[in-house]
């Protein structure tokens, strides 16, 4: 019966979008992934069944699919120009990804590394910004996120957001960094309180707090190097 229904009418566990969200893209067939791209099939068959038919004609080989022309794809009922272009665009992206080198992740395992990474982002600022730097267990950068602009008071920095970002990014190491436009690298009592709060939150969540680095134009202050981390 499912072939006579639109995807939206299928049981939720059979819908490719919901299946991908629940199980991950690696657990979907090629036809299911392609069905997500085209969105809908025809009045006679679902998007999944349509793409199963196309893939069957390609001997279930994505390389063969990528060699088809727009005219080849448009011969299938339910595949107009827009859907056919979407399929070929996805195939081209796959080819380009295969050709590109794996991006080397930046290693930030000490204060000087953090300073070199953050200084270009902060050297011309006339207000304070606070950033978190999220890393994996090998101190390879996952992402850096600005969490405050125009001041880093305890009310401006939401510790819950910091922890949420770290968890969603699967980070196991976290560093904090902010700038002093005055060019005085010495921390304030407010900086100390913020550092203590982030450290405690990291400890609860079993995330290693690497450092808090204060950036100025030409010099930095490291809580870890100054043995200021309790």
N, C-alpha and C. Protein backbone atom coordinates (compact mmCIF):
# COMPACT_ATOMS: atom_id res chain seq x y z
N UNK A 1 0.82 -1.20 0.00
CA UNK A 1 0.00 0.00 0.00
C UNK A 1 0.86 1.27 0.00
N UNK A 2 2.06 1.21 0.59
CA UNK A 2 2.84 2.43 0.77
C UNK A 2 3.18 3.11 -0.54
N UNK A 3 3.28 2.31 -1.63
CA UNK A 3 3.65 2.94 -2.89
C UNK A 3 2.56 3.85 -3.44
N UNK A 4 1.33 3.72 -2.95
CA UNK A 4 0.23 4.54 -3.42
C UNK A 4 0.03 5.79 -2.56
N UNK A 5 0.84 5.91 -1.53
CA UNK A 5 0.71 7.04 -0.63
C UNK A 5 1.85 8.02 -0.86
N UNK A 6 1.60 9.31 -0.57
CA UNK A 6 2.70 10.28 -0.58
C UNK A 6 3.55 10.03 0.65
N UNK A 7 4.79 10.51 0.63
CA UNK A 7 5.70 10.26 1.75
C UNK A 7 5.11 10.78 3.05
N UNK A 8 4.41 11.93 3.00
CA UNK A 8 3.83 12.50 4.22
C UNK A 8 2.77 11.60 4.84
N UNK A 9 2.24 10.69 4.06
CA UNK A 9 1.20 9.80 4.57
C UNK A 9 1.76 8.46 5.04
N UNK A 10 3.04 8.24 4.83
CA UNK A 10 3.65 7.00 5.29
C UNK A 10 3.71 6.97 6.81
N UNK A 11 3.89 5.77 7.36
CA UNK A 11 4.20 5.66 8.79
C UNK A 11 5.50 6.42 9.04
N UNK A 12 5.58 7.10 10.17
CA UNK A 12 6.73 7.99 10.42
C UNK A 12 8.05 7.25 10.32
N UNK A 13 8.11 5.98 10.76
CA UNK A 13 9.37 5.27 10.74
C UNK A 13 9.83 4.94 9.32
N UNK A 14 8.93 5.09 8.32
CA UNK A 14 9.29 4.82 6.93
C UNK A 14 9.65 6.07 6.15
N UNK A 15 9.42 7.25 6.70
CA UNK A 15 9.70 8.48 5.96
C UNK A 15 11.20 8.76 5.98
N UNK A 16 11.80 9.05 4.83
CA UNK A 16 13.27 9.20 4.80
C UNK A 16 13.81 10.35 5.65
N UNK A 17 13.10 11.48 5.69
CA UNK A 17 13.60 12.59 6.50
C UNK A 17 13.60 12.22 7.97
N UNK A 18 12.49 11.67 8.44
CA UNK A 18 12.40 11.28 9.85
C UNK A 18 13.38 10.15 10.16
N UNK A 19 13.54 9.24 9.20
CA UNK A 19 14.47 8.14 9.40
C UNK A 19 15.90 8.65 9.53
N UNK A 20 16.26 9.65 8.70
CA UNK A 20 17.60 10.23 8.77
C UNK A 20 17.82 10.94 10.09
N UNK A 21 16.81 11.67 10.55
CA UNK A 21 16.93 12.38 11.82
C UNK A 21 17.08 11.40 12.98
N UNK A 22 16.40 10.27 12.87
CA UNK A 22 16.40 9.30 13.95
C UNK A 22 17.62 8.40 13.95
N UNK A 23 18.06 7.98 12.75
CA UNK A 23 19.11 6.96 12.65
C UNK A 23 20.42 7.46 12.06
N UNK A 24 20.38 8.65 11.42
CA UNK A 24 21.58 9.16 10.77
C UNK A 24 21.60 8.83 9.28
N UNK A 25 22.26 9.68 8.50
CA UNK A 25 22.26 9.55 7.04
C UNK A 25 22.86 8.23 6.58
N UNK A 26 23.81 7.70 7.37
CA UNK A 26 24.49 6.47 6.93
C UNK A 26 23.56 5.26 6.90
N UNK A 27 22.40 5.36 7.55
CA UNK A 27 21.47 4.24 7.60
C UNK A 27 20.37 4.33 6.54
N UNK A 28 20.46 5.29 5.64
CA UNK A 28 19.50 5.40 4.55
C UNK A 28 20.09 4.84 3.27
N UNK A 29 19.24 4.27 2.45
CA UNK A 29 19.69 3.79 1.14
C UNK A 29 19.94 4.97 0.21
N UNK A 30 20.61 4.72 -0.89
CA UNK A 30 20.83 5.77 -1.89
C UNK A 30 19.50 6.34 -2.38
N UNK A 31 18.53 5.46 -2.60
CA UNK A 31 17.22 5.92 -3.08
C UNK A 31 16.54 6.82 -2.05
N UNK A 32 16.68 6.48 -0.79
CA UNK A 32 16.06 7.30 0.26
C UNK A 32 16.73 8.67 0.35
N UNK A 33 18.04 8.71 0.25
CA UNK A 33 18.75 9.99 0.28
C UNK A 33 18.36 10.85 -0.93
N UNK A 34 18.28 10.23 -2.08
CA UNK A 34 17.89 10.97 -3.28
C UNK A 34 16.44 11.44 -3.18
N UNK A 35 15.59 10.65 -2.54
CA UNK A 35 14.19 11.03 -2.36
C UNK A 35 14.07 12.29 -1.51
N UNK A 36 14.95 12.42 -0.51
CA UNK A 36 14.96 13.63 0.31
C UNK A 36 15.28 14.84 -0.56
N UNK A 37 16.19 14.68 -1.50
CA UNK A 37 16.59 15.79 -2.37
C UNK A 37 15.45 16.22 -3.29
N UNK A 38 14.75 15.27 -3.89
CA UNK A 38 13.72 15.66 -4.86
C UNK A 38 12.40 16.02 -4.20
N UNK A 39 12.19 15.55 -2.97
CA UNK A 39 11.04 15.99 -2.18
C UNK A 39 9.74 15.27 -2.45
N UNK A 40 9.45 14.95 -3.70
CA UNK A 40 8.18 14.29 -4.02
C UNK A 40 8.35 13.46 -5.29
N UNK A 41 7.45 12.52 -5.45
CA UNK A 41 7.49 11.68 -6.64
C UNK A 41 6.44 12.12 -7.64
N UNK A 42 5.62 11.18 -8.08
CA UNK A 42 4.54 11.48 -9.02
C UNK A 42 3.24 10.95 -8.44
N UNK A 43 2.17 11.10 -9.21
CA UNK A 43 0.89 10.60 -8.75
C UNK A 43 0.86 9.08 -8.71
N UNK A 44 1.81 8.45 -9.38
CA UNK A 44 1.82 6.99 -9.46
C UNK A 44 2.78 6.33 -8.47
N UNK A 45 3.78 7.07 -8.01
CA UNK A 45 4.75 6.46 -7.09
C UNK A 45 5.39 7.51 -6.20
N UNK A 46 5.84 7.06 -5.06
CA UNK A 46 6.49 7.96 -4.10
C UNK A 46 7.87 8.37 -4.59
N UNK A 47 8.45 9.36 -3.93
CA UNK A 47 9.80 9.80 -4.27
C UNK A 47 10.80 8.67 -4.09
N UNK A 48 10.62 7.87 -3.02
CA UNK A 48 11.55 6.77 -2.77
C UNK A 48 11.44 5.73 -3.88
N UNK A 49 10.22 5.35 -4.25
CA UNK A 49 10.05 4.35 -5.29
C UNK A 49 10.55 4.84 -6.65
N UNK A 50 10.35 6.13 -6.91
CA UNK A 50 10.85 6.72 -8.15
C UNK A 50 12.36 6.61 -8.21
N UNK A 51 13.03 6.95 -7.10
CA UNK A 51 14.48 6.92 -7.09
C UNK A 51 15.02 5.49 -7.04
N UNK A 52 14.24 4.57 -6.48
CA UNK A 52 14.63 3.15 -6.56
C UNK A 52 14.65 2.69 -8.02
N UNK A 53 13.68 3.14 -8.77
CA UNK A 53 13.59 2.77 -10.19
C UNK A 53 14.77 3.36 -10.97
N UNK A 54 15.06 4.64 -10.69
CA UNK A 54 16.20 5.28 -11.37
C UNK A 54 17.50 4.56 -11.02
N UNK A 55 17.69 4.29 -9.71
CA UNK A 55 18.93 3.63 -9.29
C UNK A 55 19.02 2.22 -9.83
N UNK A 56 17.90 1.53 -9.94
CA UNK A 56 17.91 0.18 -10.52
C UNK A 56 18.40 0.22 -11.97
N UNK A 57 17.96 1.25 -12.71
CA UNK A 57 18.41 1.41 -14.09
C UNK A 57 19.89 1.77 -14.18
N UNK A 58 20.43 2.29 -13.07
CA UNK A 58 21.86 2.64 -13.01
C UNK A 58 22.68 1.55 -12.32
N UNK A 59 22.07 0.35 -12.21
CA UNK A 59 22.74 -0.76 -11.53
C UNK A 59 23.13 -0.41 -10.10
N UNK A 60 22.30 0.46 -9.49
CA UNK A 60 22.52 0.91 -8.11
C UNK A 60 23.92 1.50 -7.91
N UNK A 61 24.40 2.18 -8.91
CA UNK A 61 25.74 2.76 -8.87
C UNK A 61 25.63 4.28 -9.00
N UNK A 62 26.11 5.00 -7.98
CA UNK A 62 26.01 6.47 -7.99
C UNK A 62 26.89 7.09 -9.07
N UNK A 63 28.01 6.45 -9.40
CA UNK A 63 28.85 6.97 -10.48
C UNK A 63 28.11 6.94 -11.81
N UNK A 64 27.35 5.87 -12.02
CA UNK A 64 26.55 5.78 -13.25
C UNK A 64 25.46 6.84 -13.25
N UNK A 65 24.84 7.06 -12.10
CA UNK A 65 23.82 8.11 -11.98
C UNK A 65 24.40 9.47 -12.36
N UNK A 66 25.60 9.75 -11.87
CA UNK A 66 26.24 11.03 -12.14
C UNK A 66 26.59 11.27 -13.59
N UNK A 67 26.64 10.20 -14.37
CA UNK A 67 26.96 10.33 -15.80
C UNK A 67 25.73 10.61 -16.65
N UNK A 68 24.53 10.50 -16.05
CA UNK A 68 23.31 10.76 -16.81
C UNK A 68 23.19 12.25 -17.14
N UNK A 69 22.53 12.55 -18.21
CA UNK A 69 22.27 13.94 -18.60
C UNK A 69 20.92 14.37 -18.05
N UNK A 70 20.64 15.66 -18.16
CA UNK A 70 19.33 16.16 -17.75
C UNK A 70 18.23 15.48 -18.57
N UNK A 71 18.47 15.31 -19.85
CA UNK A 71 17.46 14.67 -20.71
C UNK A 71 17.21 13.23 -20.28
N UNK A 72 18.28 12.53 -19.88
CA UNK A 72 18.13 11.15 -19.42
C UNK A 72 17.21 11.09 -18.20
N UNK A 73 17.43 12.00 -17.25
CA UNK A 73 16.65 11.99 -16.01
C UNK A 73 15.21 12.43 -16.24
N UNK A 74 15.04 13.40 -17.12
CA UNK A 74 13.70 13.94 -17.35
C UNK A 74 12.78 12.96 -18.08
N UNK A 75 13.33 11.86 -18.56
CA UNK A 75 12.49 10.84 -19.19
C UNK A 75 11.66 10.08 -18.17
N UNK A 76 12.07 10.17 -16.90
CA UNK A 76 11.32 9.48 -15.84
C UNK A 76 10.13 10.33 -15.42
N UNK A 77 8.97 9.73 -15.38
CA UNK A 77 7.77 10.44 -14.94
C UNK A 77 7.95 10.86 -13.48
N UNK A 78 7.84 12.15 -13.22
CA UNK A 78 8.03 12.66 -11.87
C UNK A 78 9.34 13.41 -11.71
N UNK A 79 10.22 13.32 -12.70
CA UNK A 79 11.49 14.06 -12.64
C UNK A 79 11.48 15.15 -13.72
N UNK A 80 11.16 16.36 -13.30
CA UNK A 80 11.24 17.49 -14.19
C UNK A 80 12.61 18.12 -14.15
N UNK A 81 12.78 19.28 -14.80
CA UNK A 81 14.10 19.94 -14.82
C UNK A 81 14.64 20.26 -13.44
N UNK A 82 13.80 20.77 -12.55
CA UNK A 82 14.28 21.19 -11.22
C UNK A 82 14.82 20.00 -10.43
N UNK A 83 14.07 18.90 -10.40
CA UNK A 83 14.51 17.72 -9.65
C UNK A 83 15.74 17.09 -10.29
N UNK A 84 15.77 17.06 -11.60
CA UNK A 84 16.92 16.48 -12.30
C UNK A 84 18.18 17.28 -12.04
N UNK A 85 18.06 18.60 -12.05
CA UNK A 85 19.21 19.47 -11.77
C UNK A 85 19.68 19.26 -10.33
N UNK A 86 18.75 19.10 -9.40
CA UNK A 86 19.11 18.86 -8.00
C UNK A 86 19.92 17.58 -7.85
N UNK A 87 19.50 16.52 -8.53
CA UNK A 87 20.21 15.24 -8.47
C UNK A 87 21.62 15.38 -9.02
N UNK A 88 21.76 16.01 -10.19
CA UNK A 88 23.08 16.13 -10.79
C UNK A 88 23.98 17.08 -10.00
N UNK A 89 23.37 18.09 -9.37
CA UNK A 89 24.16 18.99 -8.51
C UNK A 89 24.72 18.23 -7.32
N UNK A 90 23.91 17.34 -6.74
CA UNK A 90 24.37 16.53 -5.61
C UNK A 90 25.49 15.59 -6.04
N UNK A 91 25.36 15.00 -7.23
CA UNK A 91 26.41 14.12 -7.74
C UNK A 91 27.72 14.89 -7.95
N UNK A 92 27.61 16.11 -8.46
CA UNK A 92 28.80 16.92 -8.69
C UNK A 92 29.47 17.29 -7.37
N UNK A 93 28.68 17.62 -6.35
CA UNK A 93 29.25 17.92 -5.04
C UNK A 93 30.00 16.71 -4.48
N UNK A 94 29.43 15.52 -4.70
CA UNK A 94 30.10 14.31 -4.25
C UNK A 94 31.45 14.12 -4.93
N UNK A 95 31.51 14.42 -6.22
CA UNK A 95 32.78 14.32 -6.95
C UNK A 95 33.80 15.32 -6.41
N UNK A 96 33.33 16.54 -6.17
CA UNK A 96 34.25 17.58 -5.70
C UNK A 96 34.77 17.27 -4.30
N UNK A 97 33.90 16.72 -3.46
CA UNK A 97 34.33 16.36 -2.11
C UNK A 97 35.41 15.30 -2.17
N UNK A 98 35.24 14.34 -3.07
CA UNK A 98 36.21 13.26 -3.22
C UNK A 98 37.57 13.77 -3.65
N UNK A 99 37.56 14.84 -4.45
CA UNK A 99 38.83 15.39 -4.97
C UNK A 99 39.56 16.25 -3.95
N UNK A 100 38.83 16.82 -3.01
CA UNK A 100 39.45 17.77 -2.08
C UNK A 100 40.16 17.04 -0.95
N UNK A 101 41.21 17.66 -0.46
CA UNK A 101 41.95 17.10 0.67
C UNK A 101 41.16 17.30 1.95
N UNK A 102 41.38 16.38 2.88
CA UNK A 102 40.75 16.52 4.19
C UNK A 102 41.30 17.77 4.86
N UNK A 103 40.41 18.60 5.37
CA UNK A 103 40.83 19.84 6.00
C UNK A 103 41.60 19.55 7.28
N UNK A 104 42.77 20.13 7.36
CA UNK A 104 43.58 19.95 8.56
C UNK A 104 43.05 20.86 9.67
N UNK A 105 42.77 20.24 10.81
CA UNK A 105 42.23 21.00 11.92
C UNK A 105 43.35 21.70 12.69
N UNK A 106 43.06 22.92 13.10
CA UNK A 106 44.03 23.71 13.86
C UNK A 106 44.20 23.12 15.25
N UNK A 107 45.44 22.99 15.67
CA UNK A 107 45.74 22.50 17.02
C UNK A 107 45.96 23.69 17.94
N UNK A 108 45.25 23.70 19.07
CA UNK A 108 45.32 24.82 20.02
C UNK A 108 45.55 24.26 21.43
N UNK A 109 46.74 23.76 21.67
CA UNK A 109 46.96 23.09 22.95
C UNK A 109 47.70 23.92 23.99
N UNK A 110 47.92 25.21 23.67
CA UNK A 110 48.58 26.07 24.65
C UNK A 110 48.13 27.51 24.45
N UNK A 111 48.47 28.36 25.41
CA UNK A 111 48.01 29.75 25.38
C UNK A 111 48.52 30.50 24.15
N UNK A 112 49.77 30.24 23.76
CA UNK A 112 50.31 30.96 22.60
C UNK A 112 49.56 30.59 21.32
N UNK A 113 49.15 29.31 21.21
CA UNK A 113 48.35 28.89 20.05
C UNK A 113 47.01 29.61 20.04
N UNK A 114 46.39 29.69 21.21
CA UNK A 114 45.08 30.36 21.31
C UNK A 114 45.23 31.83 20.97
N UNK A 115 46.30 32.44 21.46
CA UNK A 115 46.53 33.86 21.16
C UNK A 115 46.71 34.08 19.66
N UNK A 116 47.53 33.25 19.03
CA UNK A 116 47.78 33.41 17.59
C UNK A 116 46.49 33.22 16.79
N UNK A 117 45.62 32.37 17.28
CA UNK A 117 44.36 32.12 16.58
C UNK A 117 43.37 33.26 16.79
N UNK A 118 43.31 33.79 18.01
CA UNK A 118 42.30 34.81 18.35
C UNK A 118 42.76 36.23 18.04
N UNK A 119 44.04 36.50 18.05
CA UNK A 119 44.53 37.88 17.88
C UNK A 119 44.01 38.54 16.60
N UNK A 120 44.05 37.88 15.43
CA UNK A 120 43.53 38.54 14.23
C UNK A 120 42.05 38.89 14.33
N UNK A 121 41.31 38.15 15.12
CA UNK A 121 39.88 38.40 15.27
C UNK A 121 39.60 39.54 16.23
N UNK A 122 40.59 39.89 17.06
CA UNK A 122 40.34 40.84 18.14
C UNK A 122 41.21 42.09 18.10
N UNK A 123 42.24 42.11 17.30
CA UNK A 123 43.24 43.17 17.41
C UNK A 123 42.69 44.57 17.12
N UNK A 124 41.64 44.67 16.30
CA UNK A 124 41.12 45.99 15.94
C UNK A 124 39.81 46.34 16.64
N UNK A 125 39.39 45.51 17.59
CA UNK A 125 38.13 45.78 18.28
C UNK A 125 38.29 46.92 19.28
N UNK A 126 37.26 47.78 19.34
CA UNK A 126 37.29 48.85 20.35
C UNK A 126 36.35 48.54 21.51
N UNK A 127 35.76 47.36 21.50
CA UNK A 127 34.93 46.88 22.62
C UNK A 127 35.38 45.47 22.96
N UNK A 128 34.99 45.01 24.14
CA UNK A 128 35.36 43.65 24.54
C UNK A 128 34.44 42.62 23.90
N UNK A 129 35.04 41.52 23.50
CA UNK A 129 34.29 40.36 23.05
C UNK A 129 34.81 39.14 23.79
N UNK A 130 33.92 38.21 24.09
CA UNK A 130 34.32 36.95 24.69
C UNK A 130 33.98 35.82 23.72
N UNK A 131 34.89 34.87 23.62
CA UNK A 131 34.72 33.72 22.73
C UNK A 131 34.98 32.43 23.50
N UNK A 132 34.33 31.38 23.10
CA UNK A 132 34.71 30.05 23.57
C UNK A 132 35.35 29.31 22.39
N UNK A 133 36.35 28.52 22.70
CA UNK A 133 37.06 27.73 21.69
C UNK A 133 36.84 26.27 22.06
N UNK A 134 36.15 25.55 21.19
CA UNK A 134 35.79 24.16 21.46
C UNK A 134 36.72 23.23 20.69
N UNK A 135 37.23 22.22 21.39
CA UNK A 135 38.21 21.31 20.80
C UNK A 135 37.87 19.86 21.13
N UNK A 136 38.50 18.95 20.38
CA UNK A 136 38.37 17.54 20.71
C UNK A 136 39.48 17.15 21.68
N UNK A 137 39.56 15.86 22.01
CA UNK A 137 40.52 15.43 23.03
C UNK A 137 41.97 15.58 22.60
N UNK A 138 42.21 15.77 21.31
CA UNK A 138 43.56 16.00 20.81
C UNK A 138 43.86 17.48 20.61
N UNK A 139 43.03 18.33 21.20
CA UNK A 139 43.18 19.79 21.12
C UNK A 139 43.05 20.32 19.70
N UNK A 140 42.34 19.58 18.84
CA UNK A 140 42.07 20.06 17.50
C UNK A 140 40.79 20.89 17.52
N UNK A 141 40.84 22.02 16.85
CA UNK A 141 39.72 22.95 16.86
C UNK A 141 38.48 22.35 16.23
N UNK A 142 37.36 22.46 16.94
CA UNK A 142 36.06 22.12 16.38
C UNK A 142 35.41 23.40 15.87
N UNK A 143 35.29 24.39 16.73
CA UNK A 143 34.78 25.70 16.32
C UNK A 143 35.06 26.72 17.42
N UNK A 144 35.06 27.99 17.02
CA UNK A 144 35.17 29.10 17.97
C UNK A 144 33.89 29.92 17.84
N UNK A 145 33.32 30.28 18.98
CA UNK A 145 32.02 30.94 18.97
C UNK A 145 32.08 32.21 19.84
N UNK A 146 31.63 33.32 19.27
CA UNK A 146 31.54 34.55 20.07
C UNK A 146 30.33 34.45 20.98
N UNK A 147 30.53 34.69 22.27
CA UNK A 147 29.43 34.57 23.23
C UNK A 147 29.06 35.90 23.87
N UNK A 148 29.85 36.93 23.63
CA UNK A 148 29.54 38.24 24.21
C UNK A 148 30.20 39.33 23.38
N UNK A 149 29.50 40.44 23.22
CA UNK A 149 30.03 41.58 22.47
C UNK A 149 29.70 42.85 23.25
N UNK A 150 30.73 43.66 23.50
CA UNK A 150 30.51 44.91 24.20
C UNK A 150 30.65 44.82 25.71
N UNK A 151 31.26 43.75 26.18
CA UNK A 151 31.45 43.57 27.61
C UNK A 151 31.28 42.12 27.98
N UNK A 152 31.97 41.67 29.03
CA UNK A 152 31.87 40.26 29.42
C UNK A 152 31.46 40.13 30.88
N UNK A 153 30.52 40.97 31.30
CA UNK A 153 30.01 40.83 32.66
C UNK A 153 29.36 39.47 32.82
N UNK A 154 29.21 39.03 34.06
CA UNK A 154 28.63 37.72 34.32
C UNK A 154 27.20 37.63 33.79
N UNK A 155 26.51 38.76 33.75
CA UNK A 155 25.14 38.74 33.23
C UNK A 155 25.13 38.65 31.71
N UNK A 156 26.21 39.13 31.06
CA UNK A 156 26.27 39.11 29.60
C UNK A 156 26.65 37.74 29.06
N UNK A 157 27.36 36.96 29.85
CA UNK A 157 27.80 35.64 29.43
C UNK A 157 26.93 34.59 30.09
N UNK A 158 26.19 33.86 29.30
CA UNK A 158 25.30 32.82 29.81
C UNK A 158 26.05 31.50 29.82
N UNK A 159 26.37 31.00 31.00
CA UNK A 159 27.13 29.76 31.13
C UNK A 159 26.37 28.59 30.51
N UNK A 160 25.04 28.63 30.59
CA UNK A 160 24.24 27.54 30.02
C UNK A 160 24.44 27.45 28.51
N UNK A 161 24.54 28.59 27.85
CA UNK A 161 24.75 28.59 26.40
C UNK A 161 26.12 28.02 26.07
N UNK A 162 27.12 28.37 26.87
CA UNK A 162 28.47 27.84 26.65
C UNK A 162 28.46 26.32 26.73
N UNK A 163 27.82 25.78 27.76
CA UNK A 163 27.78 24.34 27.94
C UNK A 163 26.95 23.67 26.85
N UNK A 164 25.87 24.31 26.45
CA UNK A 164 25.04 23.75 25.39
C UNK A 164 25.83 23.64 24.09
N UNK A 165 26.57 24.71 23.74
CA UNK A 165 27.37 24.68 22.52
C UNK A 165 28.45 23.60 22.59
N UNK A 166 29.06 23.45 23.75
CA UNK A 166 30.11 22.45 23.90
C UNK A 166 29.55 21.04 23.73
N UNK A 167 28.40 20.79 24.32
CA UNK A 167 27.79 19.46 24.25
C UNK A 167 27.34 19.15 22.83
N UNK A 168 26.68 20.13 22.17
CA UNK A 168 26.20 19.91 20.82
C UNK A 168 27.35 19.69 19.84
N UNK A 169 28.51 20.25 20.16
CA UNK A 169 29.68 20.11 19.28
C UNK A 169 30.54 18.90 19.64
N UNK A 170 30.12 18.14 20.67
CA UNK A 170 30.89 16.98 21.14
C UNK A 170 32.30 17.37 21.56
N UNK A 171 32.42 18.57 22.13
CA UNK A 171 33.73 19.06 22.57
C UNK A 171 34.10 18.40 23.89
N UNK A 172 35.37 18.06 24.03
CA UNK A 172 35.88 17.53 25.30
C UNK A 172 36.87 18.48 25.96
N UNK A 173 37.26 19.52 25.20
CA UNK A 173 38.18 20.55 25.71
C UNK A 173 37.60 21.91 25.37
N UNK A 174 37.68 22.84 26.34
CA UNK A 174 37.12 24.18 26.13
C UNK A 174 38.10 25.22 26.65
N UNK A 175 38.26 26.28 25.89
CA UNK A 175 39.05 27.43 26.34
C UNK A 175 38.21 28.69 26.19
N UNK A 176 38.49 29.65 27.02
CA UNK A 176 37.79 30.94 27.01
C UNK A 176 38.80 32.01 26.59
N UNK A 177 38.35 32.98 25.81
CA UNK A 177 39.24 34.06 25.40
C UNK A 177 38.46 35.35 25.26
N UNK A 178 39.05 36.45 25.71
CA UNK A 178 38.45 37.76 25.45
C UNK A 178 39.55 38.79 25.33
N UNK A 179 39.20 39.94 24.79
CA UNK A 179 40.18 40.99 24.54
C UNK A 179 40.04 42.12 25.54
N UNK A 180 41.12 42.88 25.70
CA UNK A 180 41.12 44.13 26.47
C UNK A 180 41.51 45.26 25.53
N UNK A 181 40.55 46.06 25.07
CA UNK A 181 40.88 47.18 24.17
C UNK A 181 41.85 48.18 24.78
N UNK A 182 41.92 48.23 26.11
CA UNK A 182 42.84 49.14 26.79
C UNK A 182 44.30 48.73 26.59
N UNK A 183 44.50 47.50 26.07
CA UNK A 183 45.82 46.92 25.87
C UNK A 183 46.51 46.55 27.17
N UNK A 184 45.78 46.55 28.26
CA UNK A 184 46.30 46.06 29.54
C UNK A 184 45.86 44.61 29.70
N UNK A 185 46.79 43.67 29.67
CA UNK A 185 46.41 42.26 29.67
C UNK A 185 46.00 41.71 31.03
N UNK A 186 46.23 42.46 32.09
CA UNK A 186 45.97 41.94 33.43
C UNK A 186 44.47 41.71 33.66
N UNK A 187 44.12 40.59 34.26
CA UNK A 187 42.70 40.27 34.47
C UNK A 187 42.09 41.11 35.58
N UNK A 188 40.81 41.34 35.45
CA UNK A 188 40.05 42.03 36.50
C UNK A 188 39.41 41.00 37.39
N UNK A 189 38.84 41.46 38.49
CA UNK A 189 38.12 40.54 39.38
C UNK A 189 36.93 39.93 38.65
N UNK A 190 36.32 40.71 37.77
CA UNK A 190 35.21 40.21 36.96
C UNK A 190 35.68 39.07 36.05
N UNK A 191 36.87 39.22 35.47
CA UNK A 191 37.45 38.16 34.65
C UNK A 191 37.67 36.90 35.49
N UNK A 192 38.15 37.10 36.72
CA UNK A 192 38.38 35.96 37.62
C UNK A 192 37.08 35.21 37.91
N UNK A 193 36.03 35.96 38.21
CA UNK A 193 34.75 35.33 38.53
C UNK A 193 34.20 34.54 37.35
N UNK A 194 34.31 35.12 36.17
CA UNK A 194 33.83 34.43 34.97
C UNK A 194 34.62 33.15 34.75
N UNK A 195 35.93 33.22 34.90
CA UNK A 195 36.78 32.04 34.73
C UNK A 195 36.37 30.93 35.70
N UNK A 196 36.15 31.31 36.95
CA UNK A 196 35.76 30.33 37.98
C UNK A 196 34.43 29.67 37.63
N UNK A 197 33.48 30.46 37.14
CA UNK A 197 32.15 29.91 36.81
C UNK A 197 32.22 28.96 35.63
N UNK A 198 32.99 29.32 34.62
CA UNK A 198 33.12 28.44 33.45
C UNK A 198 33.86 27.17 33.84
N UNK A 199 34.88 27.29 34.67
CA UNK A 199 35.62 26.11 35.14
C UNK A 199 34.71 25.14 35.88
N UNK A 200 33.89 25.67 36.77
CA UNK A 200 32.99 24.82 37.56
C UNK A 200 31.99 24.11 36.66
N UNK A 201 31.46 24.85 35.68
CA UNK A 201 30.50 24.25 34.75
C UNK A 201 31.17 23.14 33.94
N UNK A 202 32.39 23.38 33.49
CA UNK A 202 33.12 22.37 32.73
C UNK A 202 33.38 21.13 33.59
N UNK A 203 33.72 21.35 34.84
CA UNK A 203 33.99 20.23 35.74
C UNK A 203 32.75 19.37 35.92
N UNK A 204 31.60 20.00 36.06
CA UNK A 204 30.34 19.26 36.21
C UNK A 204 30.05 18.43 34.97
N UNK A 205 30.32 19.01 33.80
CA UNK A 205 30.01 18.34 32.53
C UNK A 205 31.17 17.47 32.04
N UNK A 206 32.22 17.37 32.84
CA UNK A 206 33.39 16.54 32.51
C UNK A 206 34.04 16.98 31.20
N UNK A 207 34.13 18.29 31.04
CA UNK A 207 34.84 18.89 29.91
C UNK A 207 36.11 19.55 30.45
N UNK A 208 37.23 19.31 29.83
CA UNK A 208 38.49 19.85 30.32
C UNK A 208 38.58 21.34 29.99
N UNK A 209 38.75 22.15 31.04
CA UNK A 209 38.91 23.59 30.84
C UNK A 209 40.39 23.88 30.65
N UNK A 210 40.76 24.25 29.42
CA UNK A 210 42.18 24.40 29.09
C UNK A 210 42.76 25.70 29.61
N UNK A 211 42.07 26.82 29.36
CA UNK A 211 42.68 28.11 29.71
C UNK A 211 41.67 29.22 29.48
N UNK A 212 41.97 30.38 30.05
CA UNK A 212 41.31 31.63 29.72
C UNK A 212 42.42 32.58 29.30
N UNK A 213 42.39 32.97 28.04
CA UNK A 213 43.45 33.82 27.49
C UNK A 213 42.90 35.20 27.20
N UNK A 214 43.51 36.21 27.80
CA UNK A 214 43.14 37.60 27.55
C UNK A 214 44.06 38.15 26.47
N UNK A 215 43.45 38.65 25.40
CA UNK A 215 44.19 39.07 24.21
C UNK A 215 44.31 40.59 24.17
N UNK A 216 45.54 41.08 23.98
CA UNK A 216 45.76 42.49 23.65
C UNK A 216 46.63 42.52 22.39
N UNK A 217 46.90 43.69 21.89
CA UNK A 217 47.65 43.81 20.64
C UNK A 217 49.14 43.66 20.91
N UNK A 218 49.63 42.42 20.88
CA UNK A 218 51.06 42.18 21.05
C UNK A 218 51.40 41.34 22.26
N UNK A 219 50.47 41.16 23.18
CA UNK A 219 50.76 40.38 24.39
C UNK A 219 49.47 39.75 24.88
N UNK A 220 49.60 38.70 25.65
CA UNK A 220 48.41 38.04 26.19
C UNK A 220 48.62 37.70 27.66
N UNK A 221 47.53 37.40 28.32
CA UNK A 221 47.58 36.87 29.69
C UNK A 221 46.91 35.51 29.68
N UNK A 222 47.60 34.51 30.23
CA UNK A 222 47.07 33.16 30.32
C UNK A 222 46.85 32.80 31.79
N UNK A 223 45.62 32.44 32.11
CA UNK A 223 45.34 32.01 33.48
C UNK A 223 46.15 30.75 33.83
N UNK A 224 46.31 29.85 32.87
CA UNK A 224 47.05 28.61 33.16
C UNK A 224 48.53 28.89 33.33
N UNK A 225 49.11 29.68 32.44
CA UNK A 225 50.54 29.98 32.56
C UNK A 225 50.86 30.77 33.81
N UNK A 226 49.90 31.58 34.24
CA UNK A 226 50.10 32.38 35.46
C UNK A 226 49.71 31.60 36.71
N UNK A 227 49.36 30.31 36.54
CA UNK A 227 48.91 29.46 37.65
C UNK A 227 47.75 30.10 38.39
N UNK A 228 46.91 30.75 37.60
CA UNK A 228 45.76 31.46 38.17
C UNK A 228 44.51 30.59 38.14
N UNK A 229 44.64 29.39 37.57
CA UNK A 229 43.51 28.47 37.53
C UNK A 229 43.55 27.59 38.77
N UNK A 230 42.47 27.64 39.51
CA UNK A 230 42.41 26.92 40.80
C UNK A 230 42.10 25.45 40.56
